Amino acid sequence: MRHGSFAGVLEEYVEGKLFYTWLYGDNHETNAGNSSKQRAVGKILLMSEIPLKISMEDYFGGLCDLTGEIGRYAISRGTVRDKESVKLCVDSSQSINMTLKMLGKLPRNVSKKMSTLSKSVEKLDRVLYEQSLMEMTGRKEFATGVEVVSPAFDNFMGD
């Protein structure tokens, strides 16, 4: 069992690896070329596919945190009316949430993240619902309660 900074670093690595693969898939050389015009692949790596030796806690923690990155991506795609990508984000986050809930008793650090994960899924559902309403009513403004605050994410999106 790992403690402290090293455990946190491994969890962050797992989150980054999961998000990168979720965006580009396994064939990163081909898929990472034009990030602003390409849709996410939606692949979620299994624990055995992570190249480092990690614990279940590291993997589940990174998986929980992945939903936050997926949520930020959903907001950026929603603002350009990419409903298909937003739907992929909702489906991915719901799958992660349901899978972790079905596992039952989770490690303590992961259990603490479950309420945040559930709230993230609810927010994404709201984004998709609002996007559907806008589509039906012809509204042009897109207002959510979610804010994208990551400068690294803005750089990724080419802004």
C-alpha atoms as a PDB file:
ATOM      1  CA  MET A   1       0.000   0.000   0.000  1.00  0.00           C
ATOM      2  CA  ARG A   2       1.373   3.392  -1.014  1.00  0.00           C
ATOM      3  CA  HIS A   3       0.930   6.586   0.942  1.00  0.00           C
ATOM      4  CA  GLY A   4       1.517  10.283   0.521  1.00  0.00           C
ATOM      5  CA  SER A   5       2.820  12.062  -2.521  1.00  0.00           C
ATOM      6  CA  PHE A   6       3.823   8.950  -4.459  1.00  0.00           C
ATOM      7  CA  ALA A   7       0.290   7.525  -4.299  1.00  0.00           C
ATOM      8  CA  GLY A   8      -1.069  10.883  -5.460  1.00  0.00           C
ATOM      9  CA  VAL A   9       1.382  11.009  -8.352  1.00  0.00           C
ATOM     10  CA  LEU A  10       0.435   7.506  -9.488  1.00  0.00           C
ATOM     11  CA  GLU A  11      -3.259   8.374  -9.347  1.00  0.00           C
ATOM     12  CA  GLU A  12      -2.637  11.520 -11.413  1.00  0.00           C
ATOM     13  CA  TYR A  13      -0.634   9.473 -13.918  1.00  0.00           C
ATOM     14  CA  VAL A  14      -3.482   6.977 -14.222  1.00  0.00           C
ATOM     15  CA  GLU A  15      -5.986   9.808 -14.708  1.00  0.00           C
ATOM     16  CA  GLY A  16      -3.818  11.362 -17.433  1.00  0.00           C
ATOM     17  CA  LYS A  17      -3.234   8.038 -19.199  1.00  0.00           C
ATOM     18  CA  LEU A  18      -6.950   7.215 -19.046  1.00  0.00           C
ATOM     19  CA  PHE A  19      -7.956  10.628 -20.394  1.00  0.00           C
ATOM     20  CA  TYR A  20      -5.391  10.578 -23.193  1.00  0.00           C
ATOM     21  CA  THR A  21      -6.564   7.135 -24.314  1.00  0.00           C
ATOM     22  CA  TRP A  22     -10.215   8.134 -23.918  1.00  0.00           C
ATOM     23  CA  LEU A  23      -9.545  11.069 -26.291  1.00  0.00           C
ATOM     24  CA  TYR A  24      -7.272   9.425 -28.857  1.00  0.00           C
ATOM     25  CA  GLY A  25      -7.546   5.659 -28.389  1.00  0.00           C
ATOM     26  CA  ASP A  26      -4.575   3.319 -28.496  1.00  0.00           C
ATOM     27  CA  ASN A  27      -3.211   4.528 -31.826  1.00  0.00           C
ATOM     28  CA  HIS A  28      -2.089   7.907 -30.488  1.00  0.00           C
ATOM     29  CA  GLU A  29       0.316   8.728 -33.344  1.00  0.00           C
ATOM     30  CA  THR A  30      -2.531   8.657 -35.877  1.00  0.00           C
ATOM     31  CA  ASN A  31      -5.295  10.111 -33.718  1.00  0.00           C
ATOM     32  CA  ALA A  32      -3.547  12.947 -31.864  1.00  0.00           C
ATOM     33  CA  GLY A  33      -2.765  14.995 -34.973  1.00  0.00           C
ATOM     34  CA  ASN A  34      -5.712  17.378 -35.248  1.00  0.00           C
ATOM     35  CA  SER A  35      -7.281  17.531 -31.786  1.00  0.00           C
ATOM     36  CA  SER A  36      -9.607  20.484 -32.419  1.00  0.00           C
ATOM     37  CA  LYS A  37     -11.600  18.827 -35.211  1.00  0.00           C
ATOM     38  CA  GLN A  38     -11.587  15.204 -34.101  1.00  0.00           C
ATOM     39  CA  ARG A  39     -14.094  13.573 -31.785  1.00  0.00           C
ATOM     40  CA  ALA A  40     -13.003  11.607 -28.739  1.00  0.00           C
ATOM     41  CA  VAL A  41     -12.619   7.862 -29.162  1.00  0.00           C
ATOM     42  CA  GLY A  42     -14.170   7.006 -25.788  1.00  0.00           C
ATOM     43  CA  LYS A  43     -11.911   4.042 -24.937  1.00  0.00           C
ATOM     44  CA  ILE A  44     -11.386   3.395 -21.234  1.00  0.00           C
ATOM     45  CA  LEU A  45      -8.263   1.412 -20.423  1.00  0.00           C
ATOM     46  CA  LEU A  46      -8.455  -1.590 -18.149  1.00  0.00           C
ATOM     47  CA  MET A  47      -6.150  -1.677 -15.142  1.00  0.00           C
ATOM     48  CA  SER A  48      -4.005  -4.309 -16.899  1.00  0.00           C
ATOM     49  CA  GLU A  49      -3.497  -1.945 -19.863  1.00  0.00           C
ATOM     50  CA  ILE A  50      -1.783   0.735 -17.752  1.00  0.00           C
ATOM     51  CA  PRO A  51       1.971   0.347 -18.425  1.00  0.00           C
ATOM     52  CA  LEU A  52       3.038   0.896 -14.777  1.00  0.00           C
ATOM     53  CA  LYS A  53       2.377  -1.473 -11.922  1.00  0.00           C
ATOM     54  CA  ILE A  54      -0.462   0.213 -10.046  1.00  0.00           C
ATOM     55  CA  SER A  55      -2.814  -0.761  -7.247  1.00  0.00           C
ATOM     56  CA  MET A  56      -6.591  -1.020  -7.537  1.00  0.00           C
ATOM     57  CA  GLU A  57      -6.803   2.147  -5.430  1.00  0.00           C
ATOM     58  CA  ASP A  58      -4.609   4.003  -7.931  1.00  0.00           C
ATOM     59  CA  TYR A  59      -6.718   2.785 -10.840  1.00  0.00           C
ATOM     60  CA  PHE A  60     -10.114   3.447  -9.259  1.00  0.00           C
ATOM     61  CA  GLY A  61      -8.988   6.879  -8.031  1.00  0.00           C
ATOM     62  CA  GLY A  62      -7.772   7.797 -11.517  1.00  0.00           C
ATOM     63  CA  LEU A  63     -10.999   6.462 -13.001  1.00  0.00           C
ATOM     64  CA  CYS A  64     -13.064   8.667 -10.679  1.00  0.00           C
ATOM     65  CA  ASP A  65     -10.955  11.704 -11.560  1.00  0.00           C
ATOM     66  CA  LEU A  66     -11.260  10.893 -15.265  1.00  0.00           C
ATOM     67  CA  THR A  67     -14.933  11.872 -15.110  1.00  0.00           C
ATOM     68  CA  GLY A  68     -13.931  15.430 -14.197  1.00  0.00           C
ATOM     69  CA  GLU A  69     -11.749  15.666 -17.306  1.00  0.00           C
ATOM     70  CA  ILE A  70     -14.522  14.141 -19.399  1.00  0.00           C
ATOM     71  CA  GLY A  71     -16.903  16.732 -17.935  1.00  0.00           C
ATOM     72  CA  ARG A  72     -14.647  19.623 -18.938  1.00  0.00           C
ATOM     73  CA  TYR A  73     -14.334  18.149 -22.412  1.00  0.00           C
ATOM     74  CA  ALA A  74     -18.152  17.833 -22.592  1.00  0.00           C
ATOM     75  CA  ILE A  75     -18.589  21.518 -21.786  1.00  0.00           C
ATOM     76  CA  SER A  76     -16.092  22.541 -24.457  1.00  0.00           C
ATOM     77  CA  ARG A  77     -17.858  20.348 -27.019  1.00  0.00           C
ATOM     78  CA  GLY A  78     -21.277  21.524 -25.902  1.00  0.00           C
ATOM     79  CA  THR A  79     -20.394  25.140 -26.511  1.00  0.00           C
ATOM     80  CA  VAL A  80     -19.818  24.306 -30.195  1.00  0.00           C
ATOM     81  CA  ARG A  81     -23.044  22.286 -30.324  1.00  0.00           C
ATOM     82  CA  ASP A  82     -21.322  18.900 -30.702  1.00  0.00           C
ATOM     83  CA  LYS A  83     -24.153  16.851 -29.234  1.00  0.00           C
ATOM     84  CA  GLU A  84     -22.639  13.522 -30.298  1.00  0.00           C
ATOM     85  CA  SER A  85     -19.474  14.204 -28.273  1.00  0.00           C
ATOM     86  CA  VAL A  86     -21.483  15.387 -25.261  1.00  0.00           C
ATOM     87  CA  LYS A  87     -23.502  12.151 -25.433  1.00  0.00           C
ATOM     88  CA  LEU A  88     -20.260  10.130 -25.475  1.00  0.00           C
ATOM     89  CA  CYS A  89     -19.131  12.032 -22.373  1.00  0.00           C
ATOM     90  CA  VAL A  90     -22.416  11.340 -20.578  1.00  0.00           C
ATOM     91  CA  ASP A  91     -22.337   7.651 -21.517  1.00  0.00           C
ATOM     92  CA  SER A  92     -18.689   7.253 -20.452  1.00  0.00           C
ATOM     93  CA  SER A  93     -19.203   8.958 -17.085  1.00  0.00           C
ATOM     94  CA  GLN A  94     -22.405   7.018 -16.406  1.00  0.00           C
ATOM     95  CA  SER A  95     -20.618   3.745 -17.207  1.00  0.00           C
ATOM     96  CA  ILE A  96     -17.786   4.546 -14.814  1.00  0.00           C
ATOM     97  CA  ASN A  97     -20.226   5.590 -12.086  1.00  0.00           C
ATOM     98  CA  MET A  98     -22.399   2.483 -12.471  1.00  0.00           C
ATOM     99  CA  THR A  99     -19.417   0.124 -12.624  1.00  0.00           C
ATOM    100  CA  LEU A 100     -17.889   1.493  -9.434  1.00  0.00           C
ATOM    101  CA  LYS A 101     -21.256   1.364  -7.645  1.00  0.00           C
ATOM    102  CA  MET A 102     -21.734  -2.259  -8.700  1.00  0.00           C
ATOM    103  CA  LEU A 103     -18.384  -3.179  -7.160  1.00  0.00           C
ATOM    104  CA  GLY A 104     -19.800  -2.462  -3.719  1.00  0.00           C
ATOM    105  CA  LYS A 105     -17.234  -1.697  -1.025  1.00  0.00           C
ATOM    106  CA  LEU A 106     -14.473   0.453  -2.454  1.00  0.00           C
ATOM    107  CA  PRO A 107     -11.167   1.621  -0.949  1.00  0.00           C
ATOM    108  CA  ARG A 108     -11.628   4.593   1.376  1.00  0.00           C
ATOM    109  CA  ASN A 109     -10.001   7.177  -0.893  1.00  0.00           C
ATOM    110  CA  VAL A 110     -12.274   6.086  -3.769  1.00  0.00           C
ATOM    111  CA  SER A 111     -15.420   6.022  -1.630  1.00  0.00           C
ATOM    112  CA  LYS A 112     -14.824   9.689  -0.786  1.00  0.00           C
ATOM    113  CA  LYS A 113     -14.835  10.527  -4.502  1.00  0.00           C
ATOM    114  CA  MET A 114     -18.116   8.782  -5.320  1.00  0.00           C
ATOM    115  CA  SER A 115     -20.391  11.692  -4.404  1.00  0.00           C
ATOM    116  CA  THR A 116     -18.338  14.020  -6.614  1.00  0.00           C
ATOM    117  CA  LEU A 117     -18.517  11.480  -9.421  1.00  0.00           C
ATOM    118  CA  SER A 118     -22.320  11.218  -9.075  1.00  0.00           C
ATOM    119  CA  LYS A 119     -22.642  15.018  -9.135  1.00  0.00           C
ATOM    120  CA  SER A 120     -20.465  15.136 -12.246  1.00  0.00           C
ATOM    121  CA  VAL A 121     -22.773  12.659 -13.992  1.00  0.00           C
ATOM    122  CA  GLU A 122     -25.815  14.740 -12.983  1.00  0.00           C
ATOM    123  CA  LYS A 123     -24.200  17.895 -14.414  1.00  0.00           C
ATOM    124  CA  LEU A 124     -23.437  16.140 -17.675  1.00  0.00           C
ATOM    125  CA  ASP A 125     -27.020  14.889 -17.896  1.00  0.00           C
ATOM    126  CA  ARG A 126     -28.137  18.494 -17.450  1.00  0.00           C
ATOM    127  CA  VAL A 127     -25.782  19.700 -20.187  1.00  0.00           C
ATOM    128  CA  LEU A 128     -27.162  17.117 -22.619  1.00  0.00           C
ATOM    129  CA  TYR A 129     -30.730  17.993 -21.619  1.00  0.00           C
ATOM    130  CA  GLU A 130     -30.097  21.728 -22.096  1.00  0.00           C
ATOM    131  CA  GLN A 131     -28.472  21.038 -25.431  1.00  0.00           C
ATOM    132  CA  SER A 132     -31.525  19.044 -26.525  1.00  0.00           C
ATOM    133  CA  LEU A 133     -33.830  21.858 -25.422  1.00  0.00           C
ATOM    134  CA  MET A 134     -31.756  24.412 -27.316  1.00  0.00           C
ATOM    135  CA  GLU A 135     -31.878  22.236 -30.394  1.00  0.00           C
ATOM    136  CA  MET A 136     -35.667  21.946 -30.158  1.00  0.00           C
ATOM    137  CA  THR A 137     -36.299  25.647 -29.471  1.00  0.00           C
ATOM    138  CA  GLY A 138     -33.629  27.089 -31.746  1.00  0.00           C
ATOM    139  CA  ARG A 139     -31.913  28.968 -28.882  1.00  0.00           C
ATOM    140  CA  LYS A 140     -28.375  30.096 -29.583  1.00  0.00           C
ATOM    141  CA  GLU A 141     -27.033  30.582 -26.043  1.00  0.00           C
ATOM    142  CA  PHE A 142     -25.671  27.706 -24.016  1.00  0.00           C
ATOM    143  CA  ALA A 143     -25.697  28.189 -20.238  1.00  0.00           C
ATOM    144  CA  THR A 144     -24.589  25.536 -17.755  1.00  0.00           C
ATOM    145  CA  GLY A 145     -23.517  25.599 -14.152  1.00  0.00           C
ATOM    146  CA  VAL A 146     -20.132  24.119 -15.099  1.00  0.00           C
ATOM    147  CA  GLU A 147     -17.042  26.222 -15.732  1.00  0.00           C
ATOM    148  CA  VAL A 148     -13.901  25.172 -17.589  1.00  0.00           C
ATOM    149  CA  VAL A 149     -10.958  26.494 -15.561  1.00  0.00           C
ATOM    150  CA  SER A 150      -7.984  24.480 -16.738  1.00  0.00           C
ATOM    151  CA  PRO A 151      -5.424  26.466 -18.795  1.00  0.00           C
ATOM    152  CA  ALA A 152      -3.860  23.169 -19.909  1.00  0.00           C
ATOM    153  CA  PHE A 153      -7.234  22.076 -21.262  1.00  0.00           C
ATOM    154  CA  ASP A 154      -7.623  25.368 -23.142  1.00  0.00           C
ATOM    155  CA  ASN A 155      -4.210  24.771 -24.726  1.00  0.00           C
ATOM    156  CA  PHE A 156      -5.284  21.233 -25.671  1.00  0.00           C
ATOM    157  CA  MET A 157      -8.406  22.576 -27.357  1.00  0.00           C
ATOM    158  CA  GLY A 158      -6.326  25.051 -29.349  1.00  0.00           C
ATOM    159  CA  ASP A 159      -7.685  28.255 -27.772  1.00  0.00           C
END
